[in-house]
Amino acid sequence: YKKDSHEFVGALAAGTITQYERATSDHID
C-alpha cells in the first residue's frame, strides 16, 4: 500500500466480474 506500484494489465487482459448468487443459501445449508 505504501509503495503503490503495480503492473496493470491491458484492456484485452482485464479481469471479469461475475456474480455468485448461492452464497447465502450455501451458508444456511
PDB file of all heavy atoms in Angstrom:
ATOM      1  N   TYR A   1       0.835  -1.202   0.000  1.00  0.00           N
ATOM      2  CA  TYR A   1       0.000   0.000   0.000  1.00  0.00           C
ATOM      3  C   TYR A   1       0.872   1.255   0.000  1.00  0.00           C
ATOM      4  O   TYR A   1       0.621   2.206  -0.755  1.00  0.00           O
ATOM      5  CB  TYR A   1      -0.914  -0.023   1.221  1.00  0.00           C
ATOM      6  CG  TYR A   1      -1.735   1.233   1.392  1.00  0.00           C
ATOM      7  CD1 TYR A   1      -2.945   1.400   0.728  1.00  0.00           C
ATOM      8  CD2 TYR A   1      -1.303   2.272   2.219  1.00  0.00           C
ATOM      9  CE1 TYR A   1      -3.704   2.550   0.877  1.00  0.00           C
ATOM     10  CE2 TYR A   1      -2.047   3.428   2.374  1.00  0.00           C
ATOM     11  CZ  TYR A   1      -3.250   3.565   1.706  1.00  0.00           C
ATOM     12  OH  TYR A   1      -3.982   4.700   1.853  1.00  0.00           O
ATOM     13  N   LYS A   2       1.898   1.264   0.815  1.00  0.00           N
ATOM     14  CA  LYS A   2       2.777   2.433   0.878  1.00  0.00           C
ATOM     15  C   LYS A   2       3.537   2.618  -0.432  1.00  0.00           C
ATOM     16  O   LYS A   2       3.698   3.739  -0.915  1.00  0.00           O
ATOM     17  CB  LYS A   2       3.760   2.286   2.034  1.00  0.00           C
ATOM     18  CG  LYS A   2       3.146   2.415   3.416  1.00  0.00           C
ATOM     19  CD  LYS A   2       4.207   2.635   4.480  1.00  0.00           C
ATOM     20  CE  LYS A   2       5.204   1.499   4.529  1.00  0.00           C
ATOM     21  NZ  LYS A   2       6.243   1.707   5.567  1.00  0.00           N
ATOM     22  N   LYS A   3       3.991   1.498  -1.014  1.00  0.00           N
ATOM     23  CA  LYS A   3       4.769   1.581  -2.244  1.00  0.00           C
ATOM     24  C   LYS A   3       3.906   2.016  -3.414  1.00  0.00           C
ATOM     25  O   LYS A   3       4.335   2.801  -4.280  1.00  0.00           O
ATOM     26  CB  LYS A   3       5.412   0.219  -2.528  1.00  0.00           C
ATOM     27  CG  LYS A   3       6.349   0.215  -3.716  1.00  0.00           C
ATOM     28  CD  LYS A   3       6.990  -1.165  -3.884  1.00  0.00           C
ATOM     29  CE  LYS A   3       7.937  -1.192  -5.070  1.00  0.00           C
ATOM     30  NZ  LYS A   3       8.532  -2.547  -5.258  1.00  0.00           N
ATOM     31  N   ASP A   4       2.684   1.473  -3.490  1.00  0.00           N
ATOM     32  CA  ASP A   4       1.698   1.849  -4.517  1.00  0.00           C
ATOM     33  C   ASP A   4       2.269   1.776  -5.929  1.00  0.00           C
ATOM     34  O   ASP A   4       2.202   2.721  -6.713  1.00  0.00           O
ATOM     35  CB  ASP A   4       1.160   3.258  -4.236  1.00  0.00           C
ATOM     36  CG  ASP A   4      -0.096   3.565  -5.046  1.00  0.00           C
ATOM     37  OD1 ASP A   4      -0.809   2.612  -5.411  1.00  0.00           O
ATOM     38  OD2 ASP A   4      -0.369   4.758  -5.301  1.00  0.00           O
ATOM     39  N   SER A   5       2.856   0.633  -6.248  1.00  0.00           N
ATOM     40  CA  SER A   5       3.415   0.416  -7.582  1.00  0.00           C
ATOM     41  C   SER A   5       2.981  -0.960  -8.074  1.00  0.00           C
ATOM     42  O   SER A   5       3.325  -1.975  -7.464  1.00  0.00           O
ATOM     43  CB  SER A   5       4.940   0.509  -7.540  1.00  0.00           C
ATOM     44  OG  SER A   5       5.498   0.215  -8.798  1.00  0.00           O
ATOM     45  N   HIS A   6       2.210  -0.981  -9.177  1.00  0.00           N
ATOM     46  CA  HIS A   6       1.641  -2.246  -9.643  1.00  0.00           C
ATOM     47  C   HIS A   6       1.729  -2.336 -11.162  1.00  0.00           C
ATOM     48  O   HIS A   6       1.760  -1.320 -11.862  1.00  0.00           O
ATOM     49  CB  HIS A   6       0.176  -2.360  -9.217  1.00  0.00           C
ATOM     50  CG  HIS A   6      -0.033  -2.153  -7.754  1.00  0.00           C
ATOM     51  ND1 HIS A   6       0.216  -3.118  -6.819  1.00  0.00           N
ATOM     52  CD2 HIS A   6      -0.453  -1.043  -7.060  1.00  0.00           C
ATOM     53  CE1 HIS A   6      -0.052  -2.652  -5.611  1.00  0.00           C
ATOM     54  NE2 HIS A   6      -0.442  -1.391  -5.723  1.00  0.00           N
ATOM     55  N   GLU A   7       1.751  -3.545 -11.677  1.00  0.00           N
ATOM     56  CA  GLU A   7       1.766  -3.783 -13.120  1.00  0.00           C
ATOM     57  C   GLU A   7       0.340  -4.086 -13.581  1.00  0.00           C
ATOM     58  O   GLU A   7      -0.182  -5.172 -13.340  1.00  0.00           O
ATOM     59  CB  GLU A   7       2.706  -4.944 -13.456  1.00  0.00           C
ATOM     60  CG  GLU A   7       4.161  -4.648 -13.159  1.00  0.00           C
ATOM     61  CD  GLU A   7       5.073  -5.779 -13.607  1.00  0.00           C
ATOM     62  OE1 GLU A   7       4.568  -6.700 -14.287  1.00  0.00           O
ATOM     63  OE2 GLU A   7       6.262  -5.736 -13.279  1.00  0.00           O
ATOM     64  N   PHE A   8      -0.270  -3.115 -14.212  1.00  0.00           N
ATOM     65  CA  PHE A   8      -1.645  -3.284 -14.658  1.00  0.00           C
ATOM     66  C   PHE A   8      -1.681  -4.001 -16.005  1.00  0.00           C
ATOM     67  O   PHE A   8      -0.787  -3.847 -16.835  1.00  0.00           O
ATOM     68  CB  PHE A   8      -2.332  -1.919 -14.786  1.00  0.00           C
ATOM     69  CG  PHE A   8      -2.422  -1.166 -13.497  1.00  0.00           C
ATOM     70  CD1 PHE A   8      -1.529  -0.145 -13.202  1.00  0.00           C
ATOM     71  CD2 PHE A   8      -3.390  -1.487 -12.555  1.00  0.00           C
ATOM     72  CE1 PHE A   8      -1.600   0.555 -12.013  1.00  0.00           C
ATOM     73  CE2 PHE A   8      -3.466  -0.800 -11.355  1.00  0.00           C
ATOM     74  CZ  PHE A   8      -2.578   0.223 -11.084  1.00  0.00           C
ATOM     75  N   VAL A   9      -2.745  -4.773 -16.216  1.00  0.00           N
ATOM     76  CA  VAL A   9      -2.896  -5.478 -17.487  1.00  0.00           C
ATOM     77  C   VAL A   9      -3.546  -4.556 -18.508  1.00  0.00           C
ATOM     78  O   VAL A   9      -4.167  -3.547 -18.154  1.00  0.00           O
ATOM     79  CB  VAL A   9      -3.755  -6.748 -17.313  1.00  0.00           C
ATOM     80  CG1 VAL A   9      -3.077  -7.720 -16.360  1.00  0.00           C
ATOM     81  CG2 VAL A   9      -5.156  -6.399 -16.820  1.00  0.00           C
ATOM     82  N   GLY A  10      -3.420  -4.901 -19.788  1.00  0.00           N
ATOM     83  CA  GLY A  10      -4.047  -4.129 -20.847  1.00  0.00           C
ATOM     84  C   GLY A  10      -5.542  -4.401 -20.923  1.00  0.00           C
ATOM     85  O   GLY A  10      -6.069  -5.293 -20.260  1.00  0.00           O
ATOM     86  N   ALA A  11      -6.195  -3.645 -21.784  1.00  0.00           N
ATOM     87  CA  ALA A  11      -7.652  -3.742 -21.897  1.00  0.00           C
ATOM     88  C   ALA A  11      -8.110  -5.143 -22.268  1.00  0.00           C
ATOM     89  O   ALA A  11      -9.138  -5.630 -21.781  1.00  0.00           O
ATOM     90  CB  ALA A  11      -8.151  -2.740 -22.934  1.00  0.00           C
ATOM     91  N   LEU A  12      -7.357  -5.839 -23.133  1.00  0.00           N
ATOM     92  CA  LEU A  12      -7.775  -7.165 -23.588  1.00  0.00           C
ATOM     93  C   LEU A  12      -7.512  -8.244 -22.544  1.00  0.00           C
ATOM     94  O   LEU A  12      -8.022  -9.361 -22.655  1.00  0.00           O
ATOM     95  CB  LEU A  12      -7.070  -7.511 -24.905  1.00  0.00           C
ATOM     96  CG  LEU A  12      -7.376  -6.578 -26.076  1.00  0.00           C
ATOM     97  CD1 LEU A  12      -6.626  -7.044 -27.330  1.00  0.00           C
ATOM     98  CD2 LEU A  12      -8.882  -6.531 -26.349  1.00  0.00           C
ATOM     99  N   ALA A  13      -6.733  -7.913 -21.520  1.00  0.00           N
ATOM    100  CA  ALA A  13      -6.406  -8.907 -20.498  1.00  0.00           C
ATOM    101  C   ALA A  13      -7.073  -8.615 -19.154  1.00  0.00           C
ATOM    102  O   ALA A  13      -6.821  -9.305 -18.176  1.00  0.00           O
ATOM    103  CB  ALA A  13      -4.889  -8.972 -20.300  1.00  0.00           C
ATOM    104  N   ALA A  14      -7.920  -7.572 -19.119  1.00  0.00           N
ATOM    105  CA  ALA A  14      -8.555  -7.188 -17.857  1.00  0.00           C
ATOM    106  C   ALA A  14      -9.423  -8.319 -17.329  1.00  0.00           C
ATOM    107  O   ALA A  14     -10.005  -9.104 -18.090  1.00  0.00           O
ATOM    108  CB  ALA A  14      -9.400  -5.939 -18.059  1.00  0.00           C
ATOM    109  N   GLY A  15      -9.491  -8.400 -16.032  1.00  0.00           N
ATOM    110  CA  GLY A  15     -10.295  -9.442 -15.403  1.00  0.00           C
ATOM    111  C   GLY A  15     -11.786  -9.194 -15.560  1.00  0.00           C
ATOM    112  O   GLY A  15     -12.219  -8.110 -15.959  1.00  0.00           O
ATOM    113  N   THR A  16     -12.567 -10.182 -15.240  1.00  0.00           N
ATOM    114  CA  THR A  16     -14.014 -10.092 -15.379  1.00  0.00           C
ATOM    115  C   THR A  16     -14.688 -10.042 -14.009  1.00  0.00           C
ATOM    116  O   THR A  16     -14.112 -10.433 -12.993  1.00  0.00           O
ATOM    117  CB  THR A  16     -14.568 -11.302 -16.154  1.00  0.00           C
ATOM    118  OG1 THR A  16     -14.215 -12.508 -15.450  1.00  0.00           O
ATOM    119  CG2 THR A  16     -13.989 -11.346 -17.555  1.00  0.00           C
ATOM    120  N   ILE A  17     -15.913  -9.552 -13.989  1.00  0.00           N
ATOM    121  CA  ILE A  17     -16.726  -9.538 -12.776  1.00  0.00           C
ATOM    122  C   ILE A  17     -17.907 -10.475 -12.977  1.00  0.00           C
ATOM    123  O   ILE A  17     -18.670 -10.339 -13.939  1.00  0.00           O
ATOM    124  CB  ILE A  17     -17.226  -8.121 -12.458  1.00  0.00           C
ATOM    125  CG1 ILE A  17     -16.037  -7.184 -12.187  1.00  0.00           C
ATOM    126  CG2 ILE A  17     -18.158  -8.140 -11.255  1.00  0.00           C
ATOM    127  CD1 ILE A  17     -16.456  -5.743 -11.915  1.00  0.00           C
ATOM    128  N   THR A  18     -18.028 -11.437 -12.095  1.00  0.00           N
ATOM    129  CA  THR A  18     -19.156 -12.368 -12.149  1.00  0.00           C
ATOM    130  C   THR A  18     -19.882 -12.329 -10.809  1.00  0.00           C
ATOM    131  O   THR A  18     -19.342 -11.889  -9.796  1.00  0.00           O
ATOM    132  CB  THR A  18     -18.687 -13.807 -12.435  1.00  0.00           C
ATOM    133  OG1 THR A  18     -17.791 -14.227 -11.392  1.00  0.00           O
ATOM    134  CG2 THR A  18     -17.969 -13.892 -13.767  1.00  0.00           C
ATOM    135  N   GLN A  19     -21.118 -12.795 -10.800  1.00  0.00           N
ATOM    136  CA  GLN A  19     -21.908 -12.844  -9.584  1.00  0.00           C
ATOM    137  C   GLN A  19     -22.124 -14.293  -9.166  1.00  0.00           C
ATOM    138  O   GLN A  19     -22.336 -15.168 -10.012  1.00  0.00           O
ATOM    139  CB  GLN A  19     -23.257 -12.161  -9.771  1.00  0.00           C
ATOM    140  CG  GLN A  19     -23.174 -10.655  -9.931  1.00  0.00           C
ATOM    141  CD  GLN A  19     -24.550 -10.016  -9.977  1.00  0.00           C
ATOM    142  OE1 GLN A  19     -25.492 -10.580 -10.524  1.00  0.00           O
ATOM    143  NE2 GLN A  19     -24.669  -8.826  -9.409  1.00  0.00           N
ATOM    144  N   TYR A  20     -22.045 -14.522  -7.843  1.00  0.00           N
ATOM    145  CA  TYR A  20     -22.385 -15.838  -7.306  1.00  0.00           C
ATOM    146  C   TYR A  20     -23.581 -15.636  -6.394  1.00  0.00           C
ATOM    147  O   TYR A  20     -23.485 -14.939  -5.377  1.00  0.00           O
ATOM    148  CB  TYR A  20     -21.210 -16.453  -6.544  1.00  0.00           C
ATOM    149  CG  TYR A  20     -21.504 -17.849  -6.041  1.00  0.00           C
ATOM    150  CD1 TYR A  20     -21.688 -18.899  -6.938  1.00  0.00           C
ATOM    151  CD2 TYR A  20     -21.612 -18.107  -4.675  1.00  0.00           C
ATOM    152  CE1 TYR A  20     -21.969 -20.185  -6.489  1.00  0.00           C
ATOM    153  CE2 TYR A  20     -21.887 -19.391  -4.224  1.00  0.00           C
ATOM    154  CZ  TYR A  20     -22.072 -20.424  -5.127  1.00  0.00           C
ATOM    155  OH  TYR A  20     -22.362 -21.693  -4.688  1.00  0.00           O
ATOM    156  N   GLU A  21     -24.710 -16.219  -6.740  1.00  0.00           N
ATOM    157  CA  GLU A  21     -25.965 -15.921  -6.071  1.00  0.00           C
ATOM    158  C   GLU A  21     -26.377 -16.953  -5.030  1.00  0.00           C
ATOM    159  O   GLU A  21     -27.417 -16.787  -4.378  1.00  0.00           O
ATOM    160  CB  GLU A  21     -27.080 -15.758  -7.111  1.00  0.00           C
ATOM    161  CG  GLU A  21     -26.810 -14.597  -8.081  1.00  0.00           C
ATOM    162  CD  GLU A  21     -27.887 -14.450  -9.134  1.00  0.00           C
ATOM    163  OE1 GLU A  21     -28.747 -15.364  -9.224  1.00  0.00           O
ATOM    164  OE2 GLU A  21     -27.896 -13.429  -9.842  1.00  0.00           O
ATOM    165  N   ARG A  22     -25.587 -18.010  -4.858  1.00  0.00           N
ATOM    166  CA  ARG A  22     -25.984 -19.061  -3.929  1.00  0.00           C
ATOM    167  C   ARG A  22     -25.237 -18.989  -2.583  1.00  0.00           C
ATOM    168  O   ARG A  22     -25.402 -19.868  -1.737  1.00  0.00           O
ATOM    169  CB  ARG A  22     -25.745 -20.439  -4.548  1.00  0.00           C
ATOM    170  CG  ARG A  22     -26.776 -20.840  -5.590  1.00  0.00           C
ATOM    171  CD  ARG A  22     -26.679 -22.341  -5.879  1.00  0.00           C
ATOM    172  NE  ARG A  22     -26.647 -23.152  -4.662  1.00  0.00           N
ATOM    173  CZ  ARG A  22     -27.729 -23.510  -3.967  1.00  0.00           C
ATOM    174  NH1 ARG A  22     -28.927 -23.091  -4.354  1.00  0.00           N
ATOM    175  NH2 ARG A  22     -27.603 -24.263  -2.892  1.00  0.00           N
ATOM    176  N   ALA A  23     -24.444 -17.960  -2.406  1.00  0.00           N
ATOM    177  CA  ALA A  23     -23.609 -17.922  -1.206  1.00  0.00           C
ATOM    178  C   ALA A  23     -24.437 -17.963   0.078  1.00  0.00           C
ATOM    179  O   ALA A  23     -24.095 -18.686   1.028  1.00  0.00           O
ATOM    180  CB  ALA A  23     -22.726 -16.674  -1.221  1.00  0.00           C
ATOM    181  N   THR A  24     -25.527 -17.201   0.130  1.00  0.00           N
ATOM    182  CA  THR A  24     -26.342 -17.183   1.347  1.00  0.00           C
ATOM    183  C   THR A  24     -27.027 -18.520   1.580  1.00  0.00           C
ATOM    184  O   THR A  24     -27.038 -19.037   2.709  1.00  0.00           O
ATOM    185  CB  THR A  24     -27.387 -16.054   1.262  1.00  0.00           C
ATOM    186  OG1 THR A  24     -26.716 -14.787   1.280  1.00  0.00           O
ATOM    187  CG2 THR A  24     -28.359 -16.117   2.426  1.00  0.00           C
ATOM    188  N   SER A  25     -27.590 -19.121   0.539  1.00  0.00           N
ATOM    189  CA  SER A  25     -28.237 -20.428   0.714  1.00  0.00           C
ATOM    190  C   SER A  25     -27.211 -21.506   1.032  1.00  0.00           C
ATOM    191  O   SER A  25     -27.496 -22.433   1.810  1.00  0.00           O
ATOM    192  CB  SER A  25     -29.050 -20.796  -0.536  1.00  0.00           C
ATOM    193  OG  SER A  25     -28.243 -20.828  -1.689  1.00  0.00           O
ATOM    194  N   ASP A  26     -26.007 -21.402   0.479  1.00  0.00           N
ATOM    195  CA  ASP A  26     -24.933 -22.338   0.838  1.00  0.00           C
ATOM    196  C   ASP A  26     -24.636 -22.257   2.334  1.00  0.00           C
ATOM    197  O   ASP A  26     -24.441 -23.277   3.001  1.00  0.00           O
ATOM    198  CB  ASP A  26     -23.645 -21.998   0.069  1.00  0.00           C
ATOM    199  CG  ASP A  26     -23.716 -22.354  -1.406  1.00  0.00           C
ATOM    200  OD1 ASP A  26     -24.608 -23.123  -1.803  1.00  0.00           O
ATOM    201  OD2 ASP A  26     -22.849 -21.851  -2.142  1.00  0.00           O
ATOM    202  N   HIS A  27     -24.604 -21.050   2.828  1.00  0.00           N
ATOM    203  CA  HIS A  27     -24.304 -20.814   4.250  1.00  0.00           C
ATOM    204  C   HIS A  27     -25.394 -21.438   5.138  1.00  0.00           C
ATOM    205  O   HIS A  27     -25.094 -22.148   6.116  1.00  0.00           O
ATOM    206  CB  HIS A  27     -24.215 -19.304   4.478  1.00  0.00           C
ATOM    207  CG  HIS A  27     -23.690 -18.894   5.809  1.00  0.00           C
ATOM    208  ND1 HIS A  27     -23.413 -17.583   6.122  1.00  0.00           N
ATOM    209  CD2 HIS A  27     -23.404 -19.594   6.936  1.00  0.00           C
ATOM    210  CE1 HIS A  27     -22.972 -17.502   7.360  1.00  0.00           C
ATOM    211  NE2 HIS A  27     -22.966 -18.710   7.879  1.00  0.00           N
ATOM    212  N   ILE A  28     -26.641 -21.197   4.793  1.00  0.00           N
ATOM    213  CA  ILE A  28     -27.752 -21.774   5.563  1.00  0.00           C
ATOM    214  C   ILE A  28     -27.696 -23.298   5.540  1.00  0.00           C
ATOM    215  O   ILE A  28     -27.821 -23.962   6.574  1.00  0.00           O
ATOM    216  CB  ILE A  28     -29.099 -21.278   5.011  1.00  0.00           C
ATOM    217  CG1 ILE A  28     -29.260 -19.783   5.293  1.00  0.00           C
ATOM    218  CG2 ILE A  28     -30.258 -22.067   5.619  1.00  0.00           C
ATOM    219  CD1 ILE A  28     -30.495 -19.164   4.663  1.00  0.00           C
ATOM    220  N   ASP A  29     -27.502 -23.859   4.354  1.00  0.00           N
ATOM    221  CA  ASP A  29     -27.456 -25.322   4.227  1.00  0.00           C
ATOM    222  C   ASP A  29     -26.334 -25.919   5.064  1.00  0.00           C
ATOM    223  O   ASP A  29     -26.493 -26.980   5.678  1.00  0.00           O
ATOM    224  CB  ASP A  29     -27.271 -25.717   2.763  1.00  0.00           C
ATOM    225  CG  ASP A  29     -28.503 -25.412   1.907  1.00  0.00           C
ATOM    226  OD1 ASP A  29     -29.574 -25.166   2.488  1.00  0.00           O
ATOM    227  OD2 ASP A  29     -28.368 -25.411   0.673  1.00  0.00           O
TER     228      ASP A  29
END
